[in-house]
Amino acid sequence: MNYRILYFFHGSEAVVLAHALTKERRVPPPEIERAIRRRELFETNPEKHTYQGAHQ
């Protein structure tokens, strides 16, 4: 099975907006709207919407 990841680039970083969507012929409109809202939220405050995992 194939999966789809929705993302965009912020400078040199890839920002994931949605993941593990089952790959269909087209992305469902609600997923596109959700990704747009998440991008807007990220762009207003990147630090707040960035996961800072454990550094090794």
C-alpha atoms as a PDB file:
ATOM      1  CA  MET A   1       0.000   0.000   0.000  1.00  0.00           C
ATOM      2  CA  ASN A   2       1.247   3.498  -0.796  1.00  0.00           C
ATOM      3  CA  TYR A   3       0.934   6.476   1.515  1.00  0.00           C
ATOM      4  CA  ARG A   4       0.949  10.207   0.964  1.00  0.00           C
ATOM      5  CA  ILE A   5       2.687  12.900   3.037  1.00  0.00           C
ATOM      6  CA  LEU A   6       1.669  16.552   2.746  1.00  0.00           C
ATOM      7  CA  TYR A   7       4.514  18.952   3.480  1.00  0.00           C
ATOM      8  CA  PHE A   8       6.131  22.225   2.477  1.00  0.00           C
ATOM      9  CA  PHE A   9       9.580  23.760   2.764  1.00  0.00           C
ATOM     10  CA  HIS A  10      10.326  26.460   5.324  1.00  0.00           C
ATOM     11  CA  GLY A  11      13.795  27.603   4.351  1.00  0.00           C
ATOM     12  CA  SER A  12      15.801  24.385   4.124  1.00  0.00           C
ATOM     13  CA  GLU A  13      13.500  22.455   6.488  1.00  0.00           C
ATOM     14  CA  ALA A  14      10.621  20.226   5.390  1.00  0.00           C
ATOM     15  CA  VAL A  15       7.494  20.814   7.470  1.00  0.00           C
ATOM     16  CA  VAL A  16       5.078  17.876   7.632  1.00  0.00           C
ATOM     17  CA  LEU A  17       1.407  18.891   7.604  1.00  0.00           C
ATOM     18  CA  ALA A  18      -0.236  15.475   7.311  1.00  0.00           C
ATOM     19  CA  HIS A  19       1.109  11.960   7.013  1.00  0.00           C
ATOM     20  CA  ALA A  20       0.066   8.369   6.378  1.00  0.00           C
ATOM     21  CA  LEU A  21      -2.814   9.311   4.121  1.00  0.00           C
ATOM     22  CA  THR A  22      -3.690   6.342   1.988  1.00  0.00           C
ATOM     23  CA  LYS A  23      -2.645   7.217  -1.527  1.00  0.00           C
ATOM     24  CA  GLU A  24      -5.720   7.562  -3.668  1.00  0.00           C
ATOM     25  CA  ARG A  25      -6.288   9.126  -7.039  1.00  0.00           C
ATOM     26  CA  ARG A  26      -6.557  12.540  -5.378  1.00  0.00           C
ATOM     27  CA  VAL A  27      -6.189  14.023  -1.915  1.00  0.00           C
ATOM     28  CA  PRO A  28      -9.568  14.415  -0.203  1.00  0.00           C
ATOM     29  CA  PRO A  29     -10.573  18.114   0.042  1.00  0.00           C
ATOM     30  CA  PRO A  30     -10.829  18.043   3.884  1.00  0.00           C
ATOM     31  CA  GLU A  31      -7.180  16.908   4.060  1.00  0.00           C
ATOM     32  CA  ILE A  32      -6.114  19.773   1.800  1.00  0.00           C
ATOM     33  CA  GLU A  33      -8.015  22.280   3.965  1.00  0.00           C
ATOM     34  CA  ARG A  34      -6.453  20.815   7.124  1.00  0.00           C
ATOM     35  CA  ALA A  35      -2.973  21.091   5.599  1.00  0.00           C
ATOM     36  CA  ILE A  36      -3.585  24.724   4.610  1.00  0.00           C
ATOM     37  CA  ARG A  37      -4.726  25.595   8.160  1.00  0.00           C
ATOM     38  CA  ARG A  38      -1.706  23.834   9.654  1.00  0.00           C
ATOM     39  CA  ARG A  39       0.667  25.693   7.325  1.00  0.00           C
ATOM     40  CA  GLU A  40      -0.908  29.009   8.298  1.00  0.00           C
ATOM     41  CA  LEU A  41      -0.554  28.143  12.001  1.00  0.00           C
ATOM     42  CA  PHE A  42       3.059  27.131  11.524  1.00  0.00           C
ATOM     43  CA  GLU A  43       3.919  30.293   9.644  1.00  0.00           C
ATOM     44  CA  THR A  44       2.463  32.495  12.402  1.00  0.00           C
ATOM     45  CA  ASN A  45       4.717  30.909  15.050  1.00  0.00           C
ATOM     46  CA  PRO A  46       7.163  28.240  13.804  1.00  0.00           C
ATOM     47  CA  GLU A  47       8.702  27.617  17.244  1.00  0.00           C
ATOM     48  CA  LYS A  48       5.339  26.873  18.842  1.00  0.00           C
ATOM     49  CA  HIS A  49       4.436  24.381  16.122  1.00  0.00           C
ATOM     50  CA  THR A  50       7.785  22.570  15.890  1.00  0.00           C
ATOM     51  CA  TYR A  51       8.449  19.276  17.635  1.00  0.00           C
ATOM     52  CA  GLN A  52      11.691  19.424  19.589  1.00  0.00           C
ATOM     53  CA  GLY A  53      12.506  15.761  20.176  1.00  0.00           C
ATOM     54  CA  ALA A  54      15.354  14.426  22.278  1.00  0.00           C
ATOM     55  CA  HIS A  55      18.717  15.367  20.826  1.00  0.00           C
ATOM     56  CA  GLN A  56      21.386  12.699  20.661  1.00  0.00           C
END
